[in-house]
Amino acid sequence: MAAARTESIPEGHGRIEDVDVSAEMQDSFLEYAYSVIYSRALPDARDGLKPVQRRILFQMADMGLRPDRGHVKSARVVGEVMGKLHPHGDSAIYDALVRLAQPFALRVPLVDGHGNFGSLDDGPAAARYTEARLAPAALALTENLDEDVVDFIPNYDGQFQQPDVLPAAFPNLLVNGTTGIAVGMATNMAPHNLIEVVAAAIHLLDNPDASTADLMQFVPGPDLPGGGIIVGLDGIREAYETGRGTFRTRAKVSVESLGPRRTGLVVTELPYMVGAERVIEKIKDAVNAKKLTGIADLNDLTDRNHGLRLVIGIKTGFDPNAVLEQLYRLTPLEDSFGINNVALVDGQPQTLGLKPLLRVYLDHRLSVVTRRSSFRLARKQERLHLVEGLLIAILDIDEVIQVIRASDDGEQARTKLMSVFDLSQPQAEYILELRLRRLTRFSRIELETERDTLKKEIADLEALLGSDTMLRAQVARELDAAADTFGTPRRTLLLNGGPVTPRSRAAAPADLQIADAPCRVFLSATGRLV
């Protein structure tokens, strides 16, 4: 199959070229797929960010939107990102910004949002109504960008520079997880506890041959933002080994007394990304369809002070635990999460287990600390060179002034200073730019103190760069500091056992769907079973 395509050729010249439509479609589709995979849907395994997320954080840092400063309109942030770095439409940018600010989506939010940034049941307000600034954790991802810690690449039109990856002071990909759909592949990663992930990273740093089982002593499973209960660890263990696996999450439910002879189920935590309104709707549908029995009433008592509180009244004569088993089976109070750890490694999509994910991050962090130390060493050596030249000038300041006064221009003065005092060109230039107030005796003491401090710092940096052990120890210290600053206790309870599944999926009386457990049956003298 072929189609005709007329090329744009100067007037007076015309040509029609036949092209194969299937070949054209294949080439165009491959270009589109490549763009989606590498520029939109998949995160980088080093900093755990997709391009749009990385550009948002970098641009907000460049705008000075630090946690100690005021919020600005989200529309302004979106405009800056779209105009300078991400020309793919404002809605995509704002959606990414909103997710970075949602505490129920990320374990450690990276944007501090002010206004309605949505909930599990409702979307956010428009960008013109909300405000944003960087969260403290985002500073740890963007710090030291001015110290040559990562490579910078041109933006879409070559006018600005943007980082190819962020320094990432903590393993953001494991901590916050991600989700994305590309062409022919997808990624879905669960959030984890920062303190646990850092402990595992440090263990791997000290023990490169550690197994996945060793690392699971530190990271036993995901830690979801909304808490809840993870039932069964087999799928998690498989995901940590192969990069793919499934686990089930349950709501945190307690049986409480609601009044005289009244019992109810109180839901205080829900599975990951499940909203209360969705649960209520499913319960009502199941009750109306006669699939769920034993429910007397349903009240949503959620508020800002006490958090989620969904109260399910149980009819008299029904076992609350049996009703709860029905709720797990028929409603989103029990949900499944499929782990698919697909991320970009050296520009290629790969499916990674727990150990490879930590290894990629640690290699990146070692590179960041090495480049930062090399940058600081070069700057301190340059400064020491200038300070030593300035001390020479202060010791013979009268002669320096005489040489300068005897010169016809700055070029001649610089040449004479270099010749008379054996100075380098940068030292001579620095002396010529010296202010007279720096020529006091007190300034000389300050310079000598600065010289001694610089020499010590240079020696420390050279020792750090010359020792792999010291370099790894430095990375471990910084990871520990990040965990101490941003880490919080575990929220999700892990149960190493599967949920009880009724032998038949057919609807059965609530008082018969009780979890298998040891029990005793008594036959009374009147012939009744108790």
Protein backbone atom coordinates (compact mmCIF):
# COMPACT_ATOMS: atom_id res chain seq x y z
CA MET A 1 0.00 0.00 0.00
CA ALA A 2 1.42 3.34 -0.96
CA ALA A 3 0.36 6.96 -0.70
CA ALA A 4 1.40 10.11 -2.48
CA ARG A 5 3.20 12.85 -0.64
CA THR A 6 4.03 16.23 -2.17
CA GLU A 7 7.23 17.76 -0.88
CA SER A 8 7.67 21.49 -0.38
CA ILE A 9 9.79 22.51 -3.37
CA PRO A 10 10.44 26.02 -4.77
CA GLU A 11 7.79 27.35 -7.17
CA GLY A 12 8.21 26.12 -10.70
CA HIS A 13 9.48 22.71 -9.60
CA GLY A 14 7.12 19.95 -8.60
CA ARG A 15 7.58 16.33 -7.69
CA ILE A 16 5.33 13.67 -6.25
CA GLU A 17 7.05 10.93 -4.31
CA ASP A 18 5.44 7.59 -3.52
CA VAL A 19 6.07 6.27 0.00
CA ASP A 20 5.12 2.99 1.59
CA VAL A 21 2.45 3.72 4.20
CA SER A 22 3.33 0.69 6.33
CA ALA A 23 6.99 1.77 6.49
CA GLU A 24 5.97 5.34 7.27
CA MET A 25 3.63 4.21 10.04
CA GLN A 26 6.29 1.93 11.49
CA ASP A 27 8.91 4.68 11.57
CA SER A 28 6.49 7.22 13.04
CA PHE A 29 5.22 4.78 15.66
CA LEU A 30 8.75 3.86 16.72
CA GLU A 31 9.61 7.53 17.17
CA TYR A 32 6.47 8.06 19.23
CA ALA A 33 7.13 4.96 21.34
CA TYR A 34 10.71 6.04 21.95
CA SER A 35 9.54 9.48 23.07
CA VAL A 36 6.94 8.06 25.47
CA ILE A 37 9.33 5.54 27.01
CA TYR A 38 12.33 7.79 27.48
CA SER A 39 10.80 11.24 27.87
CA ARG A 40 7.48 10.77 29.60
CA ALA A 41 6.35 7.53 31.22
CA LEU A 42 9.32 5.79 32.86
CA PRO A 43 11.40 7.10 35.77
CA ASP A 44 15.18 7.12 35.96
CA ALA A 45 16.39 4.48 38.41
CA ARG A 46 18.90 6.94 39.88
CA ASP A 47 16.66 9.73 41.16
CA GLY A 48 13.31 7.99 40.71
CA LEU A 49 11.81 10.84 38.71
CA LYS A 50 10.17 11.11 35.33
CA PRO A 51 11.36 14.00 33.12
CA VAL A 52 8.37 16.21 33.94
CA GLN A 53 8.81 15.67 37.70
CA ARG A 54 12.53 16.39 37.49
CA ARG A 55 11.90 19.57 35.51
CA ILE A 56 9.27 20.76 37.99
CA LEU A 57 11.58 20.32 40.97
CA PHE A 58 14.56 21.86 39.17
CA GLN A 59 12.57 24.86 37.96
CA MET A 60 11.04 25.45 41.40
CA ALA A 61 14.52 25.32 42.94
CA ASP A 62 15.75 27.74 40.28
CA MET A 63 12.84 30.07 41.13
CA GLY A 64 13.89 30.03 44.77
CA LEU A 65 10.67 28.42 46.03
CA ARG A 66 12.29 27.08 49.18
CA PRO A 67 10.33 25.80 52.20
CA ASP A 68 11.23 28.91 54.21
CA ARG A 69 9.71 31.25 51.62
CA GLY A 70 6.14 31.97 50.62
CA HIS A 71 4.01 29.90 48.28
CA VAL A 72 3.43 31.06 44.71
CA LYS A 73 0.58 30.32 42.34
CA SER A 74 0.81 26.86 40.83
CA ALA A 75 -0.08 28.40 37.48
CA ARG A 76 3.15 30.40 37.63
CA VAL A 77 5.20 27.28 38.26
CA VAL A 78 3.43 25.46 35.43
CA GLY A 79 4.07 28.37 33.08
CA GLU A 80 7.78 28.54 33.91
CA VAL A 81 8.22 24.79 33.45
CA MET A 82 6.27 24.71 30.20
CA GLY A 83 7.98 27.76 28.73
CA LYS A 84 11.54 26.74 29.58
CA LEU A 85 11.75 22.98 29.94
CA HIS A 86 8.64 20.90 29.21
CA PRO A 87 6.62 21.92 26.11
CA HIS A 88 3.96 19.21 26.46
CA GLY A 89 1.00 21.17 27.75
CA ASP A 90 0.06 22.69 31.06
CA SER A 91 -2.35 19.95 32.15
CA ALA A 92 0.35 17.27 32.14
CA ILE A 93 2.66 19.50 34.16
CA TYR A 94 -0.01 20.43 36.70
CA ASP A 95 -1.08 16.80 37.13
CA ALA A 96 2.53 15.86 37.91
CA LEU A 97 2.86 18.81 40.30
CA VAL A 98 -0.31 17.79 42.13
CA ARG A 99 0.89 14.21 42.61
CA LEU A 100 4.18 15.46 44.06
CA ALA A 101 2.17 17.33 46.71
CA GLN A 102 -0.33 14.60 47.69
CA PRO A 103 0.54 12.92 51.02
CA PHE A 104 -1.73 9.96 50.22
CA ALA A 105 0.13 9.28 46.95
CA LEU A 106 3.76 9.76 48.04
CA ARG A 107 5.39 8.44 51.19
CA VAL A 108 7.57 11.58 51.36
CA PRO A 109 5.86 14.45 49.46
CA LEU A 110 8.22 16.66 47.46
CA VAL A 111 5.97 19.71 46.98
CA ASP A 112 4.32 21.70 49.75
CA GLY A 113 0.88 22.52 48.38
CA HIS A 114 -1.43 25.23 49.67
CA GLY A 115 -5.07 24.92 48.69
CA ASN A 116 -7.17 22.09 47.31
CA PHE A 117 -4.77 19.53 45.86
CA GLY A 118 -7.46 16.87 45.70
CA SER A 119 -8.20 13.71 47.64
CA LEU A 120 -8.64 10.03 46.86
CA ASP A 121 -12.21 10.75 45.82
CA ASP A 122 -11.99 14.23 44.26
CA GLY A 123 -9.65 15.99 41.88
CA PRO A 124 -7.65 19.14 42.67
CA ALA A 125 -8.68 22.71 42.08
CA ALA A 126 -7.40 24.50 38.99
CA ALA A 127 -3.80 25.72 38.95
CA ARG A 128 -4.93 29.35 39.30
CA TYR A 129 -6.47 28.55 42.69
CA THR A 130 -3.65 26.59 44.32
CA GLU A 131 -0.17 27.57 45.48
CA ALA A 132 3.03 25.59 45.85
CA ARG A 133 6.62 25.62 47.02
CA LEU A 134 9.25 22.93 47.51
CA ALA A 135 8.92 20.58 50.46
CA PRO A 136 12.03 20.10 52.63
CA ALA A 137 12.65 16.65 51.14
CA ALA A 138 12.86 18.16 47.64
CA LEU A 139 15.89 20.19 48.72
CA ALA A 140 17.68 16.92 49.43
CA LEU A 141 16.99 15.84 45.84
CA THR A 142 18.19 19.09 44.26
CA GLU A 143 21.07 20.09 46.54
CA ASN A 144 24.59 20.79 45.22
CA LEU A 145 23.44 21.19 41.61
CA ASP A 146 25.84 24.14 41.31
CA GLU A 147 28.83 21.93 42.19
CA ASP A 148 29.04 19.89 38.98
CA VAL A 149 27.53 16.79 40.62
CA VAL A 150 25.50 15.79 37.52
CA ASP A 151 25.57 16.46 33.80
CA PHE A 152 23.41 19.20 32.33
CA ILE A 153 21.74 18.92 28.93
CA PRO A 154 20.06 21.52 26.67
CA ASN A 155 16.32 22.05 26.90
CA TYR A 156 14.00 21.48 23.96
CA ASP A 157 15.12 24.60 22.04
CA GLY A 158 18.68 24.88 23.30
CA GLN A 159 18.15 28.15 25.18
CA PHE A 160 18.42 26.76 28.71
CA GLN A 161 20.21 23.96 30.53
CA GLN A 162 18.56 21.30 32.67
CA PRO A 163 20.00 18.44 34.76
CA ASP A 164 20.04 15.01 33.16
CA VAL A 165 19.37 13.58 36.63
CA LEU A 166 19.06 15.04 40.13
CA PRO A 167 21.66 14.33 42.87
CA ALA A 168 19.00 12.62 45.04
CA ALA A 169 20.25 12.44 48.62
CA PHE A 170 17.88 9.52 49.35
CA PRO A 171 16.53 6.61 47.21
CA ASN A 172 13.44 8.40 45.96
CA LEU A 173 12.28 5.66 43.57
CA LEU A 174 11.89 3.08 46.32
CA VAL A 175 10.63 5.56 48.90
CA ASN A 176 7.90 7.20 46.84
CA GLY A 177 7.27 4.59 44.17
CA THR A 178 5.86 5.50 40.78
CA THR A 179 3.34 4.53 38.14
CA GLY A 180 3.36 5.00 34.41
CA ILE A 181 2.18 3.48 31.15
CA ALA A 182 4.49 3.58 28.15
CA VAL A 183 4.20 1.90 24.75
CA GLY A 184 4.52 -1.84 25.19
CA MET A 185 5.54 -1.58 28.85
CA ALA A 186 4.41 -0.11 32.14
CA THR A 187 5.77 0.54 35.60
CA ASN A 188 4.08 0.28 38.97
CA MET A 189 6.25 0.58 42.08
CA ALA A 190 5.07 0.67 45.67
CA PRO A 191 6.23 3.25 48.23
CA HIS A 192 8.56 2.16 51.05
CA ASN A 193 9.72 3.47 54.39
CA LEU A 194 12.67 5.85 54.08
CA ILE A 195 14.39 4.67 57.25
CA GLU A 196 14.20 1.03 56.18
CA VAL A 197 15.39 1.70 52.63
CA VAL A 198 18.35 3.73 53.87
CA ALA A 199 19.30 0.95 56.29
CA ALA A 200 19.24 -1.56 53.43
CA ALA A 201 21.27 0.77 51.19
CA ILE A 202 23.94 1.22 53.85
CA HIS A 203 24.07 -2.54 54.43
CA LEU A 204 24.55 -3.11 50.69
CA LEU A 205 27.18 -0.39 50.63
CA ASP A 206 29.15 -2.21 53.32
CA ASN A 207 28.35 -5.71 52.01
CA PRO A 208 28.20 -5.69 48.18
CA ASP A 209 27.53 -9.45 48.11
CA ALA A 210 24.43 -9.22 50.32
CA SER A 211 21.48 -11.28 49.10
CA THR A 212 17.89 -10.18 48.66
CA ALA A 213 17.00 -12.09 51.81
CA ASP A 214 19.62 -10.09 53.71
CA LEU A 215 18.18 -6.83 52.41
CA MET A 216 14.66 -7.91 53.35
CA GLN A 217 15.81 -7.96 56.96
CA PHE A 218 15.85 -4.17 56.61
CA VAL A 219 13.05 -3.73 54.04
CA PRO A 220 10.43 -6.37 54.89
CA GLY A 221 7.86 -4.87 52.52
CA PRO A 222 6.25 -1.69 51.19
CA ASP A 223 5.13 1.05 53.57
CA LEU A 224 2.06 2.68 52.04
CA PRO A 225 1.23 6.36 52.73
CA GLY A 226 -2.24 5.56 54.04
CA GLY A 227 -1.16 2.69 56.24
CA GLY A 228 -3.39 -0.37 56.01
CA ILE A 229 -2.36 -4.01 56.24
CA ILE A 230 -0.38 -6.07 53.75
CA VAL A 231 -1.42 -9.73 53.90
CA GLY A 232 1.08 -12.31 52.69
CA LEU A 233 4.72 -11.68 51.84
CA ASP A 234 5.28 -14.25 49.09
CA GLY A 235 4.42 -11.81 46.32
CA ILE A 236 6.62 -9.15 47.87
CA ARG A 237 9.52 -11.58 48.13
CA GLU A 238 9.06 -12.50 44.47
CA ALA A 239 8.97 -8.84 43.45
CA TYR A 240 12.17 -8.12 45.36
CA GLU A 241 13.85 -11.04 43.59
CA THR A 242 12.57 -10.57 40.04
CA GLY A 243 11.06 -7.09 39.88
CA ARG A 244 7.52 -8.40 39.49
CA GLY A 245 5.01 -9.64 42.02
CA THR A 246 1.59 -9.06 43.57
CA PHE A 247 0.50 -8.50 47.14
CA ARG A 248 -2.83 -7.83 48.80
CA THR A 249 -3.66 -4.91 51.06
CA ARG A 250 -6.47 -4.65 53.56
CA ALA A 251 -8.10 -1.84 55.44
CA LYS A 252 -7.39 -1.51 59.14
CA VAL A 253 -10.67 -2.41 60.82
CA SER A 254 -11.54 -2.83 64.47
CA VAL A 255 -14.67 -4.23 66.10
CA GLU A 256 -16.10 -1.68 68.53
CA SER A 257 -19.20 -1.26 70.62
CA LEU A 258 -21.48 1.44 69.20
CA GLY A 259 -24.02 1.40 72.03
CA PRO A 260 -26.13 -0.94 74.12
CA ARG A 261 -26.20 -4.32 72.37
CA ARG A 262 -24.85 -2.69 69.18
CA THR A 263 -21.57 -3.65 67.53
CA GLY A 264 -19.89 -2.10 64.56
CA LEU A 265 -16.82 -2.19 62.35
CA VAL A 266 -14.69 0.96 62.44
CA VAL A 267 -12.40 1.52 59.43
CA THR A 268 -9.47 3.85 60.16
CA GLU A 269 -7.09 3.02 57.29
CA LEU A 270 -7.78 2.01 53.70
CA PRO A 271 -5.72 0.21 51.04
CA TYR A 272 -3.36 2.29 48.90
CA MET A 273 -5.16 4.80 46.64
CA VAL A 274 -8.65 3.65 47.73
CA GLY A 275 -11.01 6.42 48.80
CA ALA A 276 -13.78 6.28 51.37
CA GLU A 277 -16.49 7.26 48.89
CA ARG A 278 -15.57 4.36 46.64
CA VAL A 279 -15.84 1.94 49.58
CA ILE A 280 -19.21 3.36 50.63
CA GLU A 281 -20.56 3.07 47.09
CA LYS A 282 -19.45 -0.57 46.75
CA ILE A 283 -20.95 -1.49 50.13
CA LYS A 284 -24.28 0.06 49.19
CA ASP A 285 -24.29 -1.73 45.82
CA ALA A 286 -23.54 -5.09 47.48
CA VAL A 287 -26.27 -4.58 50.08
CA ASN A 288 -28.84 -3.58 47.45
CA ALA A 289 -27.91 -6.59 45.35
CA LYS A 290 -28.42 -8.89 48.38
CA LYS A 291 -24.80 -10.04 48.14
CA LEU A 292 -23.88 -8.53 51.47
CA THR A 293 -25.94 -9.15 54.58
CA GLY A 294 -25.64 -8.12 58.19
CA ILE A 295 -25.12 -4.38 57.55
CA ALA A 296 -27.42 -2.17 59.63
CA ASP A 297 -26.09 1.27 58.72
CA LEU A 298 -23.06 3.06 57.37
CA ASN A 299 -21.70 6.44 58.54
CA ASP A 300 -18.67 8.39 57.37
CA LEU A 301 -17.33 10.29 60.40
CA THR A 302 -14.08 11.37 58.75
CA ASP A 303 -12.78 14.82 59.70
CA ARG A 304 -9.51 16.71 59.68
CA ASN A 305 -8.87 16.28 63.38
CA HIS A 306 -9.38 12.52 63.67
CA GLY A 307 -8.71 11.41 60.10
CA LEU A 308 -10.53 8.55 58.42
CA ARG A 309 -13.35 6.96 60.45
CA LEU A 310 -15.88 4.87 58.59
CA VAL A 311 -18.41 3.23 60.93
CA ILE A 312 -20.31 0.15 59.69
CA GLY A 313 -23.14 -0.91 61.96
CA ILE A 314 -23.77 -4.66 62.31
CA LYS A 315 -27.24 -6.14 62.69
CA THR A 316 -28.04 -8.07 65.84
CA GLY A 317 -27.29 -11.75 65.50
CA PHE A 318 -24.51 -11.40 62.92
CA ASP A 319 -20.88 -12.06 63.69
CA PRO A 320 -18.83 -8.89 62.95
CA ASN A 321 -15.84 -10.97 61.85
CA ALA A 322 -17.98 -12.89 59.38
CA VAL A 323 -19.37 -9.64 57.98
CA LEU A 324 -15.83 -8.32 57.73
CA GLU A 325 -14.81 -11.34 55.63
CA GLN A 326 -17.66 -10.54 53.25
CA LEU A 327 -16.55 -6.92 53.08
CA TYR A 328 -13.01 -7.99 52.23
CA ARG A 329 -14.33 -10.21 49.47
CA LEU A 330 -16.92 -7.90 47.94
CA THR A 331 -15.58 -4.37 48.47
CA PRO A 332 -12.30 -2.43 48.05
CA LEU A 333 -11.55 -2.95 51.76
CA GLU A 334 -9.23 -5.58 50.31
CA ASP A 335 -7.30 -4.69 47.17
CA SER A 336 -4.33 -6.03 45.26
CA PHE A 337 -1.20 -4.21 44.12
CA GLY A 338 0.86 -5.48 41.22
CA ILE A 339 4.54 -4.57 41.45
CA ASN A 340 6.30 -4.04 38.12
CA ASN A 341 9.65 -2.38 38.75
CA VAL A 342 10.48 -0.99 35.31
CA ALA A 343 12.89 1.96 35.24
CA LEU A 344 15.56 3.46 33.00
CA VAL A 345 19.12 2.31 33.63
CA ASP A 346 21.77 3.93 31.42
CA GLY A 347 18.95 5.00 29.11
CA GLN A 348 17.49 1.51 28.76
CA PRO A 349 14.26 0.23 30.38
CA GLN A 350 14.94 -2.65 32.76
CA THR A 351 12.94 -4.66 35.27
CA LEU A 352 14.78 -4.48 38.59
CA GLY A 353 14.57 -6.28 41.91
CA LEU A 354 15.37 -4.75 45.27
CA LYS A 355 19.14 -5.26 45.14
CA PRO A 356 19.62 -3.89 41.58
CA LEU A 357 17.49 -0.86 42.45
CA LEU A 358 19.65 -0.10 45.47
CA ARG A 359 22.85 -0.81 43.52
CA VAL A 360 21.95 1.63 40.73
CA TYR A 361 21.13 4.31 43.29
CA LEU A 362 24.33 3.76 45.30
CA ASP A 363 26.49 3.90 42.18
CA HIS A 364 24.83 7.19 41.32
CA ARG A 365 25.32 8.57 44.81
CA LEU A 366 28.99 7.54 44.87
CA SER A 367 29.43 9.39 41.57
CA VAL A 368 27.68 12.48 42.97
CA VAL A 369 29.86 12.60 46.10
CA THR A 370 33.02 12.03 44.04
CA ARG A 371 32.19 14.82 41.59
CA ARG A 372 31.18 17.16 44.38
CA SER A 373 34.40 16.50 46.30
CA SER A 374 36.50 17.02 43.15
CA PHE A 375 34.70 20.30 42.48
CA ARG A 376 35.20 21.53 46.03
CA LEU A 377 38.85 20.47 45.98
CA ALA A 378 39.51 22.45 42.80
CA ARG A 379 37.77 25.53 44.19
CA LYS A 380 39.66 25.39 47.49
CA GLN A 381 42.96 24.94 45.69
CA GLU A 382 42.18 27.99 43.56
CA ARG A 383 41.29 29.99 46.64
CA LEU A 384 44.42 28.85 48.49
CA HIS A 385 46.51 29.93 45.52
CA LEU A 386 45.01 33.42 45.64
CA VAL A 387 45.34 33.69 49.42
CA GLU A 388 49.02 32.76 49.28
CA GLY A 389 49.61 35.39 46.62
CA LEU A 390 47.78 37.98 48.68
CA LEU A 391 49.89 37.18 51.74
CA ILE A 392 53.02 37.77 49.67
CA ALA A 393 51.66 41.14 48.60
CA ILE A 394 50.77 42.18 52.16
CA LEU A 395 54.25 41.29 53.46
CA ASP A 396 55.87 43.57 50.84
CA ILE A 397 53.03 45.99 50.36
CA ASP A 398 55.24 49.07 49.95
CA GLU A 399 57.18 47.48 47.13
CA VAL A 400 53.96 46.25 45.55
CA ILE A 401 52.55 49.78 45.54
CA GLN A 402 55.78 51.15 44.10
CA VAL A 403 55.71 48.57 41.28
CA ILE A 404 52.12 49.42 40.45
CA ARG A 405 52.71 53.18 40.51
CA ALA A 406 55.71 52.82 38.24
CA SER A 407 53.72 50.93 35.63
CA ASP A 408 52.10 52.62 32.65
CA ASP A 409 49.01 50.39 32.53
CA GLY A 410 47.46 47.35 34.09
CA GLU A 411 49.12 44.95 31.71
CA GLN A 412 52.58 46.23 32.59
CA ALA A 413 51.76 46.21 36.31
CA ARG A 414 50.62 42.60 36.15
CA THR A 415 53.76 41.57 34.26
CA LYS A 416 56.04 43.31 36.76
CA LEU A 417 54.28 41.81 39.75
CA MET A 418 54.61 38.36 38.26
CA SER A 419 58.31 38.93 37.62
CA VAL A 420 59.31 40.68 40.86
CA PHE A 421 57.34 38.56 43.33
CA ASP A 422 57.22 35.30 41.36
CA LEU A 423 53.43 35.32 41.20
CA SER A 424 51.09 33.56 38.79
CA GLN A 425 48.79 35.54 36.51
CA PRO A 426 45.64 34.86 38.64
CA GLN A 427 47.51 35.98 41.77
CA ALA A 428 48.71 39.18 40.10
CA GLU A 429 45.21 39.93 38.78
CA TYR A 430 43.75 39.39 42.25
CA ILE A 431 46.31 41.75 43.84
CA LEU A 432 45.56 44.47 41.28
CA GLU A 433 41.87 44.22 42.13
CA LEU A 434 42.60 44.36 45.86
CA ARG A 435 40.81 46.99 47.95
CA LEU A 436 42.99 49.10 50.22
CA ARG A 437 40.96 48.21 53.31
CA ARG A 438 42.21 44.64 53.00
CA LEU A 439 45.76 45.82 53.73
CA THR A 440 45.28 46.05 57.48
CA ARG A 441 47.14 43.93 60.02
CA PHE A 442 43.86 42.26 60.99
CA SER A 443 43.27 41.20 57.38
CA ARG A 444 46.65 39.51 57.36
CA ILE A 445 45.67 37.44 60.41
CA GLU A 446 42.40 36.52 58.73
CA LEU A 447 44.23 35.45 55.58
CA GLU A 448 46.68 33.29 57.51
CA THR A 449 43.80 31.63 59.35
CA GLU A 450 41.99 31.07 56.04
CA ARG A 451 45.15 29.61 54.51
CA ASP A 452 45.55 27.11 57.33
CA THR A 453 41.87 26.15 57.14
CA LEU A 454 42.05 25.69 53.39
CA LYS A 455 45.10 23.46 53.67
CA LYS A 456 43.31 21.22 56.16
CA GLU A 457 40.17 21.04 54.03
CA ILE A 458 42.22 20.26 50.93
CA ALA A 459 44.02 17.47 52.75
CA ASP A 460 40.67 16.02 53.91
CA LEU A 461 39.21 16.14 50.39
CA GLU A 462 42.30 14.53 48.88
CA ALA A 463 42.12 11.77 51.46
CA LEU A 464 38.41 11.27 50.72
CA LEU A 465 38.98 11.05 46.97
CA GLY A 466 41.91 8.72 47.46
CA SER A 467 40.06 6.18 49.61
CA ASP A 468 37.10 4.12 48.45
CA THR A 469 36.36 3.20 52.06
CA MET A 470 36.15 6.84 53.14
CA LEU A 471 34.00 7.65 50.12
CA ARG A 472 31.51 4.93 51.00
CA ALA A 473 31.49 6.05 54.62
CA GLN A 474 30.68 9.60 53.50
CA VAL A 475 27.76 8.35 51.39
CA ALA A 476 26.52 6.31 54.35
CA ARG A 477 26.68 9.34 56.67
CA GLU A 478 24.68 11.45 54.24
CA LEU A 479 22.08 8.71 53.84
CA ASP A 480 21.79 8.46 57.61
CA ALA A 481 21.32 12.22 57.84
CA ALA A 482 18.52 12.09 55.25
CA ALA A 483 16.80 9.26 57.14
CA ASP A 484 17.05 11.18 60.42
CA THR A 485 15.65 14.33 58.82
CA PHE A 486 12.84 12.98 56.66
CA GLY A 487 12.18 9.48 58.00
CA THR A 488 8.97 8.58 59.82
CA PRO A 489 7.82 5.38 61.56
CA ARG A 490 6.28 2.57 59.53
CA ARG A 491 2.58 2.96 58.85
CA THR A 492 1.67 -0.29 57.09
CA LEU A 493 1.32 -3.50 59.09
CA LEU A 494 2.80 -6.64 57.50
CA LEU A 495 1.12 -10.01 58.08
CA ASN A 496 2.91 -13.11 56.83
CA GLY A 497 -0.21 -15.06 56.00
CA GLY A 498 -2.92 -15.01 53.37
CA PRO A 499 -6.51 -13.93 53.85
CA VAL A 500 -9.11 -16.60 54.45
CA THR A 501 -11.06 -17.31 51.29
CA PRO A 502 -14.50 -18.91 51.57
CA ARG A 503 -14.67 -22.38 50.00
CA SER A 504 -17.43 -21.20 47.73
CA ARG A 505 -17.70 -17.79 46.12
CA ALA A 506 -21.47 -18.13 46.15
CA ALA A 507 -23.34 -15.88 48.51
CA ALA A 508 -23.71 -17.47 51.93
CA PRO A 509 -25.17 -16.32 55.23
CA ALA A 510 -22.84 -13.94 57.00
CA ASP A 511 -22.74 -16.05 60.13
CA LEU A 512 -21.30 -18.97 58.13
CA GLN A 513 -18.41 -17.08 56.51
CA ILE A 514 -16.08 -17.14 59.48
CA ALA A 515 -12.33 -17.57 59.25
CA ASP A 516 -11.03 -21.06 59.95
CA ALA A 517 -10.08 -21.17 63.63
CA PRO A 518 -10.21 -23.73 66.45
CA CYS A 519 -13.64 -23.79 68.08
CA ARG A 520 -15.76 -25.91 70.42
CA VAL A 521 -19.34 -27.05 69.94
CA PHE A 522 -21.45 -27.99 72.98
CA LEU A 523 -24.61 -30.10 72.89
CA SER A 524 -27.00 -29.11 75.65
CA ALA A 525 -29.27 -31.48 77.59
CA THR A 526 -32.23 -30.15 75.62
CA GLY A 527 -30.62 -31.07 72.33
CA ARG A 528 -29.41 -27.60 71.32
CA LEU A 529 -25.97 -26.91 69.86
CA VAL A 530 -24.15 -24.03 71.51
